[in-house]
């Protein structure tokens, strides 16, 4: 009975996170970026990245703050989310619509993704993350944001033209039962700074519940916390990325969908781990333990998957189609099957 209640609680958290991020948080961030007069590239690499990756960031933060060495939940959710974004979301985007990618921004994101995964492997192979690991993560992300803003100067390219669909924002128009409940909590859309604040508080609260629930489920099922994080938590917290990527893919912006998936992974690893690690080590000192067979093997699988993804793009001359989608989804199914067999 307990496992059923915890499972329902986790599922409810996933649904609420998806709706809060998609309907309120990202909308408020979009308006804030307009106030700050950020370019579309800068907004995408900073505020929009925060929007789609906030659940992973808070899960990682609460996992390292919680006493009892639960770091594997945070690291596992980041690694698992990265695999889901690259293979599952990338595969589904390829199946939704055949697209020729704009190679310049995709090349940029893949290069920085390789660096991010290499830094991740560095800490996991060593067995722990030091203060210098955390600083290196954040410094590389700052360099990535600079590269995003200035990339067109070195590799000129044009944005893909598309027809923007009219979308209901905030609590206007028809909403479902979950949205109606959230609308009682959130201020009006015009007060978007307050919407941003309430979103952060709710995402943080739901992420804390996810961490606690994951710990209890791992105890009840007698399986490592890392397994729960690498699979269930990773998929659940990546729902906002999945929804946004499929929407833009259907609009004919497959390159934006792929960049969103990869860019989210870069943020997850460099900021989603780097920032919580830095905060904890500045407060309490020491290092963050990162040992564990599941995390090590999954991180190597992530690195190998990135190599396979890059090779697929080069062989297909930056085109993605149904075959690309089948290969990527097949790799993710194989990974999940492996994790289940090892339980």
Protein backbone atom coordinates (compact mmCIF):
# COMPACT_ATOMS: atom_id res chain seq x y z
CA UNK A 1 0.00 0.00 0.00
CA UNK A 2 2.83 2.39 0.92
CA UNK A 3 4.60 1.88 -2.40
CA UNK A 4 1.37 2.70 -4.25
CA UNK A 5 0.92 5.94 -2.31
CA UNK A 6 4.52 6.97 -2.91
CA UNK A 7 4.16 6.13 -6.59
CA UNK A 8 1.00 8.25 -6.89
CA UNK A 9 2.70 11.11 -5.04
CA UNK A 10 5.63 10.98 -7.47
CA UNK A 11 3.29 10.88 -10.48
CA UNK A 12 1.33 13.89 -9.17
CA UNK A 13 4.59 15.80 -8.69
CA UNK A 14 5.59 15.09 -12.29
CA UNK A 15 2.23 16.33 -13.62
CA UNK A 16 2.33 19.48 -11.50
CA UNK A 17 5.94 20.22 -12.47
CA UNK A 18 5.13 19.86 -16.16
CA UNK A 19 2.16 22.24 -15.94
CA UNK A 20 3.91 24.81 -13.72
CA UNK A 21 6.99 24.94 -15.92
CA UNK A 22 5.11 24.96 -19.23
CA UNK A 23 2.17 27.22 -18.39
CA UNK A 24 3.58 29.64 -15.83
CA UNK A 25 7.34 29.51 -15.28
CA UNK A 26 8.55 29.62 -18.89
CA UNK A 27 5.96 32.29 -19.79
CA UNK A 28 7.15 34.53 -16.94
CA UNK A 29 10.78 33.98 -17.91
CA UNK A 30 10.00 34.93 -21.49
CA UNK A 31 8.54 38.26 -20.36
CA UNK A 32 11.41 38.89 -17.96
CA UNK A 33 13.92 38.28 -20.78
CA UNK A 34 12.06 40.89 -22.84
CA UNK A 35 12.35 43.37 -19.95
CA UNK A 36 16.07 42.66 -19.75
CA UNK A 37 16.31 43.06 -23.56
CA UNK A 38 18.16 39.76 -23.95
CA UNK A 39 18.75 38.40 -27.44
CA UNK A 40 16.90 35.19 -28.32
CA UNK A 41 20.17 33.23 -28.12
CA UNK A 42 21.12 34.66 -24.74
CA UNK A 43 17.61 34.14 -23.35
CA UNK A 44 17.58 30.55 -24.59
CA UNK A 45 20.94 29.72 -23.04
CA UNK A 46 20.14 31.33 -19.69
CA UNK A 47 16.54 31.98 -18.63
CA UNK A 48 14.90 29.39 -20.89
CA UNK A 49 17.47 26.80 -19.82
CA UNK A 50 16.59 27.54 -16.20
CA UNK A 51 12.92 27.15 -17.06
CA UNK A 52 13.14 23.70 -18.61
CA UNK A 53 15.78 22.38 -16.19
CA UNK A 54 14.61 23.84 -12.87
CA UNK A 55 13.23 20.49 -11.58
CA UNK A 56 16.58 18.72 -12.13
CA UNK A 57 18.44 21.62 -10.49
CA UNK A 58 16.32 21.53 -7.33
CA UNK A 59 16.35 17.72 -7.13
CA UNK A 60 20.17 17.83 -7.24
CA UNK A 61 20.27 20.62 -4.65
CA UNK A 62 18.00 18.88 -2.12
CA UNK A 63 19.74 15.52 -2.61
CA UNK A 64 23.14 16.93 -1.64
CA UNK A 65 21.71 19.06 1.20
CA UNK A 66 19.85 16.13 2.78
CA UNK A 67 21.93 14.35 5.47
CA UNK A 68 22.69 10.69 4.88
CA UNK A 69 24.71 10.67 1.63
CA UNK A 70 21.92 10.85 -0.93
CA UNK A 71 24.05 12.52 -3.61
CA UNK A 72 23.39 9.62 -5.99
CA UNK A 73 19.80 10.84 -6.43
CA UNK A 74 20.91 14.23 -7.72
CA UNK A 75 23.73 12.95 -9.91
CA UNK A 76 21.62 10.04 -11.15
CA UNK A 77 18.69 12.26 -12.11
CA UNK A 78 21.05 14.52 -14.10
CA UNK A 79 22.76 11.63 -15.91
CA UNK A 80 19.47 9.84 -16.56
CA UNK A 81 17.82 13.04 -17.75
CA UNK A 82 20.73 13.66 -20.11
CA UNK A 83 20.30 10.20 -21.61
CA UNK A 84 16.54 10.68 -21.92
CA UNK A 85 16.91 14.08 -23.58
CA UNK A 86 19.55 12.94 -26.05
CA UNK A 87 18.14 9.54 -27.03
CA UNK A 88 14.40 9.56 -26.27
CA UNK A 89 13.58 13.20 -27.04
CA UNK A 90 16.03 13.29 -29.94
CA UNK A 91 14.49 10.10 -31.32
CA UNK A 92 10.90 11.30 -30.96
CA UNK A 93 11.74 14.64 -32.61
CA UNK A 94 13.26 12.74 -35.55
CA UNK A 95 10.11 10.61 -35.86
CA UNK A 96 7.76 13.60 -35.68
CA UNK A 97 9.26 15.42 -38.65
CA UNK A 98 12.17 14.95 -41.04
CA UNK A 99 14.46 17.95 -40.63
CA UNK A 100 17.72 19.31 -41.93
CA UNK A 101 19.45 20.82 -38.91
CA UNK A 102 21.23 24.16 -38.94
CA UNK A 103 24.67 22.72 -38.31
CA UNK A 104 26.34 25.78 -36.77
CA UNK A 105 24.39 25.94 -33.47
CA UNK A 106 24.12 22.14 -33.25
CA UNK A 107 27.91 21.83 -33.64
CA UNK A 108 28.39 24.41 -30.87
CA UNK A 109 26.08 22.58 -28.48
CA UNK A 110 27.61 19.17 -29.20
CA UNK A 111 31.13 20.50 -28.57
CA UNK A 112 30.15 21.97 -25.21
CA UNK A 113 28.14 18.86 -24.39
CA UNK A 114 31.28 16.77 -24.89
CA UNK A 115 33.13 19.06 -22.48
CA UNK A 116 30.30 18.86 -19.92
CA UNK A 117 30.16 15.06 -20.02
CA UNK A 118 33.97 14.86 -19.83
CA UNK A 119 33.90 17.00 -16.65
CA UNK A 120 31.15 14.76 -15.25
CA UNK A 121 33.20 11.64 -15.94
CA UNK A 122 36.24 13.28 -14.36
CA UNK A 123 34.46 13.59 -11.02
CA UNK A 124 32.71 10.21 -11.15
CA UNK A 125 35.88 8.29 -12.04
CA UNK A 126 37.74 10.05 -9.19
CA UNK A 127 34.93 8.98 -6.85
CA UNK A 128 34.06 12.45 -5.64
CA UNK A 129 33.60 16.05 -6.73
CA UNK A 130 35.85 18.71 -5.22
CA UNK A 131 35.34 22.46 -5.01
CA UNK A 132 37.46 22.82 -8.13
CA UNK A 133 35.16 20.45 -10.03
CA UNK A 134 32.18 22.63 -9.14
CA UNK A 135 34.00 25.82 -10.14
CA UNK A 136 35.07 24.24 -13.44
CA UNK A 137 31.42 23.32 -14.20
CA UNK A 138 30.21 26.88 -13.68
CA UNK A 139 33.12 28.51 -15.53
CA UNK A 140 32.51 26.32 -18.58
CA UNK A 141 28.82 27.25 -18.51
CA UNK A 142 29.70 30.95 -18.47
CA UNK A 143 31.94 30.32 -21.51
CA UNK A 144 29.05 28.44 -23.16
CA UNK A 145 26.67 31.39 -22.67
CA UNK A 146 29.31 33.70 -24.19
CA UNK A 147 29.69 31.30 -27.13
CA UNK A 148 25.92 31.18 -27.68
CA UNK A 149 25.69 34.97 -27.80
CA UNK A 150 28.71 35.38 -30.12
CA UNK A 151 28.54 32.20 -32.23
CA UNK A 152 26.97 33.92 -35.25
CA UNK A 153 30.00 36.19 -35.53
CA UNK A 154 32.22 33.18 -36.18
CA UNK A 155 29.72 30.88 -37.94
CA UNK A 156 26.94 32.98 -39.53
CA UNK A 157 23.52 31.35 -39.83
CA UNK A 158 19.87 32.35 -40.04
CA UNK A 159 16.99 31.24 -37.84
CA UNK A 160 14.47 28.91 -39.44
CA UNK A 161 11.25 30.71 -40.39
CA UNK A 162 8.00 29.25 -39.08
CA UNK A 163 4.40 30.16 -38.35
CA UNK A 164 3.86 30.77 -34.66
CA UNK A 165 0.66 29.24 -33.34
CA UNK A 166 -1.54 31.22 -31.01
CA UNK A 167 -1.27 29.83 -27.50
CA UNK A 168 -3.27 30.54 -24.38
CA UNK A 169 -1.15 31.97 -21.58
CA UNK A 170 -1.60 31.96 -17.84
CA UNK A 171 -5.18 31.28 -16.78
CA UNK A 172 -6.86 32.68 -19.88
CA UNK A 173 -9.02 30.46 -22.05
CA UNK A 174 -9.99 26.85 -21.43
CA UNK A 175 -7.93 25.05 -18.81
CA UNK A 176 -8.04 21.56 -17.35
CA UNK A 177 -8.63 20.59 -13.73
CA UNK A 178 -4.94 20.77 -12.76
CA UNK A 179 -4.56 24.20 -14.36
CA UNK A 180 -7.68 25.48 -12.62
CA UNK A 181 -6.23 24.44 -9.27
CA UNK A 182 -2.94 26.16 -10.07
CA UNK A 183 -4.73 29.31 -11.18
CA UNK A 184 -6.03 29.75 -7.61
CA UNK A 185 -2.41 29.89 -6.44
CA UNK A 186 -0.75 31.97 -9.16
CA UNK A 187 -1.13 35.75 -9.58
CA UNK A 188 -2.42 37.17 -12.86
CA UNK A 189 -0.15 36.80 -15.87
CA UNK A 190 0.54 40.56 -15.92
CA UNK A 191 2.35 40.23 -12.57
CA UNK A 192 4.94 37.98 -14.12
CA UNK A 193 7.68 38.68 -11.54
CA UNK A 194 5.34 37.30 -8.89
CA UNK A 195 4.46 34.40 -11.19
CA UNK A 196 8.20 33.69 -11.46
CA UNK A 197 8.60 33.78 -7.65
CA UNK A 198 5.62 31.49 -6.98
CA UNK A 199 6.85 29.10 -9.70
CA UNK A 200 10.28 28.83 -8.09
CA UNK A 201 8.76 28.11 -4.67
CA UNK A 202 6.41 25.44 -6.04
CA UNK A 203 9.10 23.78 -8.17
CA UNK A 204 11.41 23.71 -5.16
CA UNK A 205 8.70 22.21 -2.95
CA UNK A 206 7.74 19.53 -5.48
CA UNK A 207 11.41 18.68 -6.07
CA UNK A 208 11.89 18.19 -2.32
CA UNK A 209 8.90 15.83 -2.30
CA UNK A 210 10.43 13.91 -5.23
CA UNK A 211 13.73 13.45 -3.39
CA UNK A 212 12.00 12.23 -0.23
CA UNK A 213 9.71 9.94 -2.23
CA UNK A 214 12.60 8.47 -4.21
CA UNK A 215 14.44 7.65 -0.96
CA UNK A 216 11.39 5.91 0.53
CA UNK A 217 10.70 3.93 -2.66
CA UNK A 218 14.32 2.76 -2.84
CA UNK A 219 14.09 1.58 0.78
CA UNK A 220 10.77 -0.24 0.27
CA UNK A 221 11.92 -1.94 -2.95
CA UNK A 222 15.45 -2.49 -1.62
CA UNK A 223 17.10 -1.08 -4.74
CA UNK A 224 19.83 1.59 -5.05
CA UNK A 225 18.68 5.21 -5.01
CA UNK A 226 20.74 5.78 -8.16
CA UNK A 227 18.51 3.36 -10.12
CA UNK A 228 15.36 5.30 -9.18
CA UNK A 229 17.08 8.55 -10.13
CA UNK A 230 18.53 7.28 -13.43
CA UNK A 231 15.16 6.03 -14.65
CA UNK A 232 11.92 7.22 -13.00
CA UNK A 233 13.12 10.61 -11.69
CA UNK A 234 15.07 11.34 -14.88
CA UNK A 235 12.09 10.71 -17.15
CA UNK A 236 9.61 12.53 -14.91
CA UNK A 237 11.68 15.69 -14.53
CA UNK A 238 12.35 15.76 -18.30
CA UNK A 239 8.66 15.99 -19.23
CA UNK A 240 8.83 19.80 -19.75
CA UNK A 241 11.76 19.31 -22.18
CA UNK A 242 9.84 16.58 -24.01
CA UNK A 243 6.69 18.70 -24.40
CA UNK A 244 8.49 21.83 -25.61
CA UNK A 245 10.72 19.88 -28.02
CA UNK A 246 7.79 18.05 -29.65
CA UNK A 247 5.80 21.29 -30.00
CA UNK A 248 8.57 23.11 -31.86
CA UNK A 249 9.37 20.00 -33.93
CA UNK A 250 5.77 19.90 -35.20
CA UNK A 251 6.13 23.57 -36.16
CA UNK A 252 9.05 22.63 -38.42
CA UNK A 253 11.77 23.77 -36.03
CA UNK A 254 13.52 20.45 -35.55
CA UNK A 255 16.87 22.16 -35.08
CA UNK A 256 15.47 24.19 -32.18
CA UNK A 257 14.02 21.01 -30.65
CA UNK A 258 17.39 19.26 -30.82
CA UNK A 259 19.22 22.35 -29.53
CA UNK A 260 16.70 22.58 -26.67
CA UNK A 261 17.32 18.95 -25.69
CA UNK A 262 21.11 19.25 -25.87
CA UNK A 263 21.20 22.74 -24.33
CA UNK A 264 19.11 21.50 -21.40
CA UNK A 265 21.64 18.72 -20.85
CA UNK A 266 24.51 21.23 -20.81
CA UNK A 267 22.68 23.30 -18.19
CA UNK A 268 21.75 20.19 -16.16
CA UNK A 269 25.34 18.99 -15.88
CA UNK A 270 27.23 22.27 -15.57
CA UNK A 271 24.76 24.27 -13.45
CA UNK A 272 22.42 21.54 -12.16
CA UNK A 273 25.40 19.85 -10.51
CA UNK A 274 27.95 22.65 -10.31
CA UNK A 275 25.77 25.12 -8.38
CA UNK A 276 24.44 22.70 -5.69
CA UNK A 277 27.91 21.23 -5.23
CA UNK A 278 29.45 24.69 -4.84
CA UNK A 279 26.80 25.79 -2.32
CA UNK A 280 27.17 22.67 -0.16
CA UNK A 281 30.98 22.67 -0.20
CA UNK A 282 31.16 26.38 0.65
CA UNK A 283 28.83 25.77 3.61
CA UNK A 284 30.20 22.50 4.96
CA UNK A 285 33.51 21.97 3.16
CA UNK A 286 34.76 18.55 2.08
CA UNK A 287 33.72 16.96 -1.20
CA UNK A 288 30.67 15.33 -2.81
CA UNK A 289 30.82 11.55 -3.07
CA UNK A 290 30.11 10.24 -6.57
CA UNK A 291 31.05 6.59 -6.39
CA UNK A 292 28.76 3.81 -7.53
CA UNK A 293 28.73 1.27 -10.35
CA UNK A 294 25.39 2.48 -11.73
CA UNK A 295 26.53 6.08 -12.03
CA UNK A 296 29.88 5.18 -13.57
CA UNK A 297 28.48 2.86 -16.21
CA UNK A 298 25.56 5.18 -17.02
CA UNK A 299 27.95 8.11 -17.45
CA UNK A 300 30.08 6.11 -19.89
CA UNK A 301 26.90 5.10 -21.74
CA UNK A 302 26.00 8.80 -21.94
CA UNK A 303 29.40 9.63 -23.42
CA UNK A 304 29.13 6.77 -25.92
CA UNK A 305 25.57 7.85 -26.84
CA UNK A 306 26.78 11.37 -27.55
CA UNK A 307 29.48 10.00 -29.86
CA UNK A 308 26.88 7.84 -31.64
CA UNK A 309 24.55 10.85 -31.99
CA UNK A 310 27.31 13.01 -33.48
CA UNK A 311 28.29 10.25 -35.93
CA UNK A 312 24.64 9.86 -37.02
CA UNK A 313 24.41 13.58 -37.77
CA UNK A 314 27.67 13.62 -39.72
CA UNK A 315 26.79 10.51 -41.75
CA UNK A 316 23.34 11.93 -42.57
CA UNK A 317 24.83 15.38 -43.31
CA UNK A 318 22.97 17.05 -40.44
CA UNK A 319 19.62 15.50 -41.36
CA UNK A 320 17.36 13.64 -38.95
CA UNK A 321 14.66 11.26 -40.17
CA UNK A 322 12.67 8.23 -39.07
CA UNK A 323 15.75 5.97 -39.20
CA UNK A 324 17.64 8.34 -36.90
CA UNK A 325 14.64 8.31 -34.57
CA UNK A 326 14.40 4.52 -34.50
CA UNK A 327 18.14 4.17 -33.75
CA UNK A 328 18.08 6.73 -30.93
CA UNK A 329 14.92 5.31 -29.34
CA UNK A 330 16.30 1.80 -29.70
CA UNK A 331 19.44 2.82 -27.81
CA UNK A 332 17.34 4.31 -25.00
CA UNK A 333 15.12 1.24 -24.76
CA UNK A 334 18.27 -0.90 -24.58
CA UNK A 335 19.62 1.28 -21.76
CA UNK A 336 16.37 1.10 -19.74
CA UNK A 337 16.17 -2.65 -20.32
CA UNK A 338 19.71 -3.03 -18.99
CA UNK A 339 18.87 -1.08 -15.83
CA UNK A 340 15.74 -3.18 -15.21
CA UNK A 341 17.62 -6.47 -15.73
CA UNK A 342 20.28 -5.41 -13.22
CA UNK A 343 17.70 -4.75 -10.48
